[in-house]
PDB file of N, CA and C in Angstrom:
ATOM      1  N   UNK A   1      95.321 103.616  88.966  1.00  0.00           N
ATOM      2  CA  UNK A   1      96.226 103.785  87.842  1.00  0.00           C
ATOM      3  C   UNK A   1      97.448 104.564  88.322  1.00  0.00           C
ATOM      4  N   UNK A   2      98.604 103.914  88.443  1.00  0.00           N
ATOM      5  CA  UNK A   2      99.819 104.629  88.833  1.00  0.00           C
ATOM      6  C   UNK A   2     100.286 105.572  87.728  1.00  0.00           C
ATOM      7  N   UNK A   3     100.634 106.779  88.128  1.00  0.00           N
ATOM      8  CA  UNK A   3     101.196 107.753  87.196  1.00  0.00           C
ATOM      9  C   UNK A   3     102.569 108.136  87.741  1.00  0.00           C
ATOM     10  N   UNK A   4     103.592 107.850  86.967  1.00  0.00           N
ATOM     11  CA  UNK A   4     104.965 108.092  87.390  1.00  0.00           C
ATOM     12  C   UNK A   4     105.527 109.244  86.580  1.00  0.00           C
ATOM     13  N   UNK A   5     106.105 110.214  87.266  1.00  0.00           N
ATOM     14  CA  UNK A   5     106.728 111.361  86.615  1.00  0.00           C
ATOM     15  C   UNK A   5     108.225 111.295  86.889  1.00  0.00           C
ATOM     16  N   UNK A   6     109.026 111.293  85.830  1.00  0.00           N
ATOM     17  CA  UNK A   6     110.471 111.192  85.957  1.00  0.00           C
ATOM     18  C   UNK A   6     111.103 112.464  85.409  1.00  0.00           C
ATOM     19  N   UNK A   7     111.888 113.125  86.248  1.00  0.00           N
ATOM     20  CA  UNK A   7     112.614 114.311  85.811  1.00  0.00           C
ATOM     21  C   UNK A   7     114.078 113.930  85.669  1.00  0.00           C
ATOM     22  N   UNK A   8     114.669 114.248  84.518  1.00  0.00           N
ATOM     23  CA  UNK A   8     116.072 113.918  84.302  1.00  0.00           C
ATOM     24  C   UNK A   8     116.689 114.905  83.329  1.00  0.00           C
ATOM     25  N   UNK A   9     118.015 114.960  83.364  1.00  0.00           N
ATOM     26  CA  UNK A   9     118.735 115.834  82.442  1.00  0.00           C
ATOM     27  C   UNK A   9     118.589 115.278  81.033  1.00  0.00           C
ATOM     28  N   UNK A  10     118.360 116.167  80.087  1.00  0.00           N
ATOM     29  CA  UNK A  10     118.170 115.743  78.703  1.00  0.00           C
ATOM     30  C   UNK A  10     119.442 115.116  78.136  1.00  0.00           C
ATOM     31  N   UNK A  11     119.264 114.355  77.056  1.00  0.00           N
ATOM     32  CA  UNK A  11     120.420 113.822  76.358  1.00  0.00           C
ATOM     33  C   UNK A  11     120.431 112.308  76.194  1.00  0.00           C
ATOM     34  N   UNK A  12     119.478 111.619  76.783  1.00  0.00           N
ATOM     35  CA  UNK A  12     119.448 110.169  76.609  1.00  0.00           C
ATOM     36  C   UNK A  12     118.762 109.794  75.305  1.00  0.00           C
ATOM     37  N   UNK A  13     119.161 108.665  74.762  1.00  0.00           N
ATOM     38  CA  UNK A  13     118.583 108.210  73.491  1.00  0.00           C
ATOM     39  C   UNK A  13     117.177 107.667  73.709  1.00  0.00           C
ATOM     40  N   UNK A  14     116.428 107.562  72.625  1.00  0.00           N
ATOM     41  CA  UNK A  14     115.084 106.993  72.706  1.00  0.00           C
ATOM     42  C   UNK A  14     115.153 105.542  73.160  1.00  0.00           C
ATOM     43  N   UNK A  15     116.176 104.812  72.728  1.00  0.00           N
ATOM     44  CA  UNK A  15     116.327 103.415  73.161  1.00  0.00           C
ATOM     45  C   UNK A  15     116.520 103.335  74.673  1.00  0.00           C
ATOM     46  N   UNK A  16     117.308 104.246  75.244  1.00  0.00           N
ATOM     47  CA  UNK A  16     117.498 104.269  76.697  1.00  0.00           C
ATOM     48  C   UNK A  16     116.185 104.584  77.409  1.00  0.00           C
ATOM     49  N   UNK A  17     115.430 105.532  76.869  1.00  0.00           N
ATOM     50  CA  UNK A  17     114.147 105.893  77.479  1.00  0.00           C
ATOM     51  C   UNK A  17     113.168 104.729  77.407  1.00  0.00           C
ATOM     52  N   UNK A  18     113.134 104.033  76.272  1.00  0.00           N
ATOM     53  CA  UNK A  18     112.240 102.876  76.139  1.00  0.00           C
ATOM     54  C   UNK A  18     112.611 101.788  77.139  1.00  0.00           C
ATOM     55  N   UNK A  19     113.910 101.559  77.327  1.00  0.00           N
ATOM     56  CA  UNK A  19     114.355 100.562  78.304  1.00  0.00           C
ATOM     57  C   UNK A  19     113.937 100.969  79.707  1.00  0.00           C
ATOM     58  N   UNK A  20     114.034 102.276  80.006  1.00  0.00           N
ATOM     59  CA  UNK A  20     113.619 102.771  81.308  1.00  0.00           C
ATOM     60  C   UNK A  20     112.108 102.602  81.489  1.00  0.00           C
ATOM     61  N   UNK A  21     111.329 102.939  80.461  1.00  0.00           N
ATOM     62  CA  UNK A  21     109.870 102.766  80.540  1.00  0.00           C
ATOM     63  C   UNK A  21     109.531 101.324  80.900  1.00  0.00           C
ATOM     64  N   UNK A  22     110.189 100.383  80.238  1.00  0.00           N
ATOM     65  CA  UNK A  22     109.915  98.967  80.486  1.00  0.00           C
ATOM     66  C   UNK A  22     110.304  98.584  81.907  1.00  0.00           C
ATOM     67  N   UNK A  23     111.510  98.980  82.335  1.00  0.00           N
ATOM     68  CA  UNK A  23     111.982  98.619  83.677  1.00  0.00           C
ATOM     69  C   UNK A  23     111.105  99.229  84.776  1.00  0.00           C
ATOM     70  N   UNK A  24     110.725 100.488  84.615  1.00  0.00           N
ATOM     71  CA  UNK A  24     109.880 101.148  85.617  1.00  0.00           C
ATOM     72  C   UNK A  24     108.499 100.498  85.628  1.00  0.00           C
ATOM     73  N   UNK A  25     107.949 100.237  84.456  1.00  0.00           N
ATOM     74  CA  UNK A  25     106.645  99.572  84.377  1.00  0.00           C
ATOM     75  C   UNK A  25     106.706  98.212  85.063  1.00  0.00           C
ATOM     76  N   UNK A  26     107.743  97.428  84.769  1.00  0.00           N
ATOM     77  CA  UNK A  26     107.905  96.117  85.404  1.00  0.00           C
ATOM     78  C   UNK A  26     107.943  96.252  86.921  1.00  0.00           C
ATOM     79  N   UNK A  27     108.674  97.244  87.426  1.00  0.00           N
ATOM     80  CA  UNK A  27     108.785  97.440  88.873  1.00  0.00           C
ATOM     81  C   UNK A  27     107.438  97.784  89.496  1.00  0.00           C
ATOM     82  N   UNK A  28     106.669  98.633  88.838  1.00  0.00           N
ATOM     83  CA  UNK A  28     105.351  99.014  89.361  1.00  0.00           C
ATOM     84  C   UNK A  28     104.406  97.818  89.349  1.00  0.00           C
ATOM     85  N   UNK A  29     104.426  97.057  88.259  1.00  0.00           N
ATOM     86  CA  UNK A  29     103.567  95.871  88.163  1.00  0.00           C
ATOM     87  C   UNK A  29     103.927  94.883  89.274  1.00  0.00           C
ATOM     88  N   UNK A  30     105.230  94.659  89.489  1.00  0.00           N
ATOM     89  CA  UNK A  30     105.671  93.689  90.496  1.00  0.00           C
ATOM     90  C   UNK A  30     105.422  94.155  91.920  1.00  0.00           C
ATOM     91  N   UNK A  31     105.663  95.428  92.188  1.00  0.00           N
ATOM     92  CA  UNK A  31     105.564  95.896  93.577  1.00  0.00           C
ATOM     93  C   UNK A  31     104.161  96.314  93.988  1.00  0.00           C
ATOM     94  N   UNK A  32     103.407  96.880  93.058  1.00  0.00           N
ATOM     95  CA  UNK A  32     102.063  97.362  93.395  1.00  0.00           C
ATOM     96  C   UNK A  32     100.953  96.454  92.896  1.00  0.00           C
ATOM     97  N   UNK A  33     101.312  95.510  92.024  1.00  0.00           N
ATOM     98  CA  UNK A  33     100.287  94.632  91.467  1.00  0.00           C
ATOM     99  C   UNK A  33      99.371  95.338  90.489  1.00  0.00           C
ATOM    100  N   UNK A  34      99.819  96.475  89.977  1.00  0.00           N
ATOM    101  CA  UNK A  34      98.992  97.236  89.025  1.00  0.00           C
ATOM    102  C   UNK A  34      99.007  96.534  87.670  1.00  0.00           C
ATOM    103  N   UNK A  35      97.906  96.580  86.954  1.00  0.00           N
ATOM    104  CA  UNK A  35      97.916  96.028  85.598  1.00  0.00           C
ATOM    105  C   UNK A  35      98.873  96.834  84.722  1.00  0.00           C
ATOM    106  N   UNK A  36      99.659  96.147  83.919  1.00  0.00           N
ATOM    107  CA  UNK A  36     100.629  96.792  83.037  1.00  0.00           C
ATOM    108  C   UNK A  36      99.975  97.909  82.209  1.00  0.00           C
ATOM    109  N   UNK A  37      98.785  97.668  81.722  1.00  0.00           N
ATOM    110  CA  UNK A  37      98.088  98.653  80.863  1.00  0.00           C
ATOM    111  C   UNK A  37      97.688  99.910  81.618  1.00  0.00           C
ATOM    112  N   UNK A  38      97.716  99.852  82.946  1.00  0.00           N
ATOM    113  CA  UNK A  38      97.293 101.000  83.743  1.00  0.00           C
ATOM    114  C   UNK A  38      98.459 101.906  84.136  1.00  0.00           C
ATOM    115  N   UNK A  39      99.684 101.466  83.897  1.00  0.00           N
ATOM    116  CA  UNK A  39     100.856 102.241  84.310  1.00  0.00           C
ATOM    117  C   UNK A  39     101.114 103.364  83.309  1.00  0.00           C
ATOM    118  N   UNK A  40     101.206 104.580  83.812  1.00  0.00           N
ATOM    119  CA  UNK A  40     101.474 105.764  82.975  1.00  0.00           C
ATOM    120  C   UNK A  40     102.792 106.374  83.434  1.00  0.00           C
ATOM    121  N   UNK A  41     103.653 106.736  82.476  1.00  0.00           N
ATOM    122  CA  UNK A  41     104.946 107.325  82.802  1.00  0.00           C
ATOM    123  C   UNK A  41     105.154 108.560  81.929  1.00  0.00           C
ATOM    124  N   UNK A  42     105.578 109.641  82.549  1.00  0.00           N
ATOM    125  CA  UNK A  42     105.967 110.831  81.790  1.00  0.00           C
ATOM    126  C   UNK A  42     107.409 111.182  82.130  1.00  0.00           C
ATOM    127  N   UNK A  43     108.108 111.692  81.130  1.00  0.00           N
ATOM    128  CA  UNK A  43     109.473 112.163  81.332  1.00  0.00           C
ATOM    129  C   UNK A  43     109.474 113.679  81.179  1.00  0.00           C
ATOM    130  N   UNK A  44     110.129 114.335  82.097  1.00  0.00           N
ATOM    131  CA  UNK A  44     110.335 115.780  82.014  1.00  0.00           C
ATOM    132  C   UNK A  44     111.837 115.977  81.884  1.00  0.00           C
ATOM    133  N   UNK A  45     112.282 116.343  80.691  1.00  0.00           N
ATOM    134  CA  UNK A  45     113.701 116.513  80.446  1.00  0.00           C
ATOM    135  C   UNK A  45     114.123 117.949  80.713  1.00  0.00           C
ATOM    136  N   UNK A  46     115.175 118.075  81.494  1.00  0.00           N
ATOM    137  CA  UNK A  46     115.671 119.381  81.904  1.00  0.00           C
ATOM    138  C   UNK A  46     116.972 119.658  81.160  1.00  0.00           C
ATOM    139  N   UNK A  47     117.087 120.836  80.526  1.00  0.00           N
ATOM    140  CA  UNK A  47     118.368 121.173  79.897  1.00  0.00           C
ATOM    141  C   UNK A  47     119.476 121.192  80.945  1.00  0.00           C
ATOM    142  N   UNK A  48     120.678 120.779  80.540  1.00  0.00           N
ATOM    143  CA  UNK A  48     121.798 120.672  81.465  1.00  0.00           C
ATOM    144  C   UNK A  48     122.065 121.988  82.196  1.00  0.00           C
ATOM    145  N   UNK A  49     121.866 123.117  81.521  1.00  0.00           N
ATOM    146  CA  UNK A  49     122.141 124.401  82.165  1.00  0.00           C
ATOM    147  C   UNK A  49     120.983 124.895  83.026  1.00  0.00           C
ATOM    148  N   UNK A  50     119.936 124.085  83.162  1.00  0.00           N
ATOM    149  CA  UNK A  50     118.814 124.414  84.050  1.00  0.00           C
ATOM    150  C   UNK A  50     118.824 123.535  85.290  1.00  0.00           C
ATOM    151  N   UNK A  51     119.924 122.825  85.527  1.00  0.00           N
ATOM    152  CA  UNK A  51     120.043 121.901  86.648  1.00  0.00           C
ATOM    153  C   UNK A  51     121.319 122.242  87.401  1.00  0.00           C
ATOM    154  N   UNK A  52     121.212 122.410  88.713  1.00  0.00           N
ATOM    155  CA  UNK A  52     122.388 122.793  89.498  1.00  0.00           C
ATOM    156  C   UNK A  52     122.552 121.881  90.702  1.00  0.00           C
ATOM    157  N   UNK A  53     123.807 121.658  91.054  1.00  0.00           N
ATOM    158  CA  UNK A  53     124.167 120.914  92.265  1.00  0.00           C
ATOM    159  C   UNK A  53     125.220 121.747  92.977  1.00  0.00           C
ATOM    160  N   UNK A  54     125.001 122.035  94.222  1.00  0.00           N
ATOM    161  CA  UNK A  54     125.969 122.820  94.979  1.00  0.00           C
ATOM    162  C   UNK A  54     126.196 124.208  94.409  1.00  0.00           C
ATOM    163  N   UNK A  55     125.167 124.775  93.788  1.00  0.00           N
ATOM    164  CA  UNK A  55     125.275 126.129  93.243  1.00  0.00           C
ATOM    165  C   UNK A  55     125.910 126.209  91.864  1.00  0.00           C
ATOM    166  N   UNK A  56     126.230 125.060  91.267  1.00  0.00           N
ATOM    167  CA  UNK A  56     126.841 125.047  89.928  1.00  0.00           C
ATOM    168  C   UNK A  56     125.945 124.277  88.969  1.00  0.00           C
ATOM    169  N   UNK A  57     125.867 124.773  87.729  1.00  0.00           N
ATOM    170  CA  UNK A  57     125.138 124.009  86.721  1.00  0.00           C
ATOM    171  C   UNK A  57     125.894 122.720  86.440  1.00  0.00           C
ATOM    172  N   UNK A  58     125.235 121.793  85.830  1.00  0.00           N
ATOM    173  CA  UNK A  58     125.876 120.511  85.517  1.00  0.00           C
ATOM    174  C   UNK A  58     127.092 120.727  84.614  1.00  0.00           C
ATOM    175  N   UNK A  59     126.967 121.622  83.624  1.00  0.00           N
ATOM    176  CA  UNK A  59     128.097 121.929  82.743  1.00  0.00           C
ATOM    177  C   UNK A  59     129.284 122.468  83.537  1.00  0.00           C
ATOM    178  N   UNK A  60     129.019 123.415  84.458  1.00  0.00           N
ATOM    179  CA  UNK A  60     130.091 123.990  85.278  1.00  0.00           C
ATOM    180  C   UNK A  60     130.750 122.910  86.135  1.00  0.00           C
ATOM    181  N   UNK A  61     129.936 122.056  86.715  1.00  0.00           N
ATOM    182  CA  UNK A  61     130.449 120.986  87.568  1.00  0.00           C
ATOM    183  C   UNK A  61     131.310 120.018  86.757  1.00  0.00           C
ATOM    184  N   UNK A  62     130.839 119.653  85.556  1.00  0.00           N
ATOM    185  CA  UNK A  62     131.612 118.742  84.702  1.00  0.00           C
ATOM    186  C   UNK A  62     132.952 119.358  84.312  1.00  0.00           C
ATOM    187  N   UNK A  63     132.952 120.653  83.984  1.00  0.00           N
ATOM    188  CA  UNK A  63     134.206 121.332  83.626  1.00  0.00           C
ATOM    189  C   UNK A  63     135.171 121.378  84.819  1.00  0.00           C
ATOM    190  N   UNK A  64     134.618 121.658  86.009  1.00  0.00           N
ATOM    191  CA  UNK A  64     135.447 121.715  87.212  1.00  0.00           C
ATOM    192  C   UNK A  64     136.073 120.344  87.497  1.00  0.00           C
ATOM    193  N   UNK A  65     135.276 119.282  87.398  1.00  0.00           N
ATOM    194  CA  UNK A  65     135.788 117.940  87.647  1.00  0.00           C
ATOM    195  C   UNK A  65     136.835 117.543  86.609  1.00  0.00           C
ATOM    196  N   UNK A  66     136.616 117.926  85.351  1.00  0.00           N
ATOM    197  CA  UNK A  66     137.589 117.627  84.292  1.00  0.00           C
ATOM    198  C   UNK A  66     138.897 118.362  84.557  1.00  0.00           C
ATOM    199  N   UNK A  67     138.814 119.633  84.978  1.00  0.00           N
ATOM    200  CA  UNK A  67     140.024 120.409  85.279  1.00  0.00           C
ATOM    201  C   UNK A  67     140.770 119.796  86.452  1.00  0.00           C
ATOM    202  N   UNK A  68     140.047 119.331  87.461  1.00  0.00           N
ATOM    203  CA  UNK A  68     140.690 118.695  88.607  1.00  0.00           C
ATOM    204  C   UNK A  68     141.371 117.398  88.191  1.00  0.00           C
ATOM    205  N   UNK A  69     140.722 116.625  87.311  1.00  0.00           N
ATOM    206  CA  UNK A  69     141.308 115.371  86.844  1.00  0.00           C
ATOM    207  C   UNK A  69     142.565 115.653  86.010  1.00  0.00           C
ATOM    208  N   UNK A  70     142.504 116.673  85.167  1.00  0.00           N
ATOM    209  CA  UNK A  70     143.670 117.037  84.352  1.00  0.00           C
ATOM    210  C   UNK A  70     144.808 117.507  85.244  1.00  0.00           C
ATOM    211  N   UNK A  71     144.493 118.275  86.269  1.00  0.00           N
ATOM    212  CA  UNK A  71     145.508 118.770  87.190  1.00  0.00           C
ATOM    213  C   UNK A  71     146.164 117.620  87.941  1.00  0.00           C
ATOM    214  N   UNK A  72     145.344 116.671  88.377  1.00  0.00           N
ATOM    215  CA  UNK A  72     145.876 115.508  89.091  1.00  0.00           C
ATOM    216  C   UNK A  72     146.743 114.652  88.175  1.00  0.00           C
ATOM    217  N   UNK A  73     146.340 114.516  86.930  1.00  0.00           N
ATOM    218  CA  UNK A  73     147.109 113.724  85.960  1.00  0.00           C
ATOM    219  C   UNK A  73     148.437 114.401  85.642  1.00  0.00           C
ATOM    220  N   UNK A  74     148.439 115.727  85.619  1.00  0.00           N
ATOM    221  CA  UNK A  74     149.657 116.482  85.327  1.00  0.00           C
ATOM    222  C   UNK A  74     150.665 116.430  86.455  1.00  0.00           C
ATOM    223  N   UNK A  75     150.184 116.250  87.678  1.00  0.00           N
ATOM    224  CA  UNK A  75     151.109 116.231  88.814  1.00  0.00           C
ATOM    225  C   UNK A  75     151.541 114.807  89.179  1.00  0.00           C
ATOM    226  N   UNK A  76     151.045 113.827  88.458  1.00  0.00           N
ATOM    227  CA  UNK A  76     151.405 112.430  88.764  1.00  0.00           C
ATOM    228  C   UNK A  76     152.655 111.985  88.036  1.00  0.00           C
TER     229      UNK A  76
END
């Protein structure tokens, strides 16, 4: 019985999660030959401020990228 654990930043809709469940299940069934009924998937949603890349939270990174884009647009 395959058990898949997916960690992602929170904020996706239930419809998006359902589509992901189906796509991941399909991939496991096709690649491992596991029975569809045996595939188990859990999602672990992480708050945006609990996730960091390069020492910055996702919020900080998004703000920095937005400021850089605004600066570039202002100098064009």
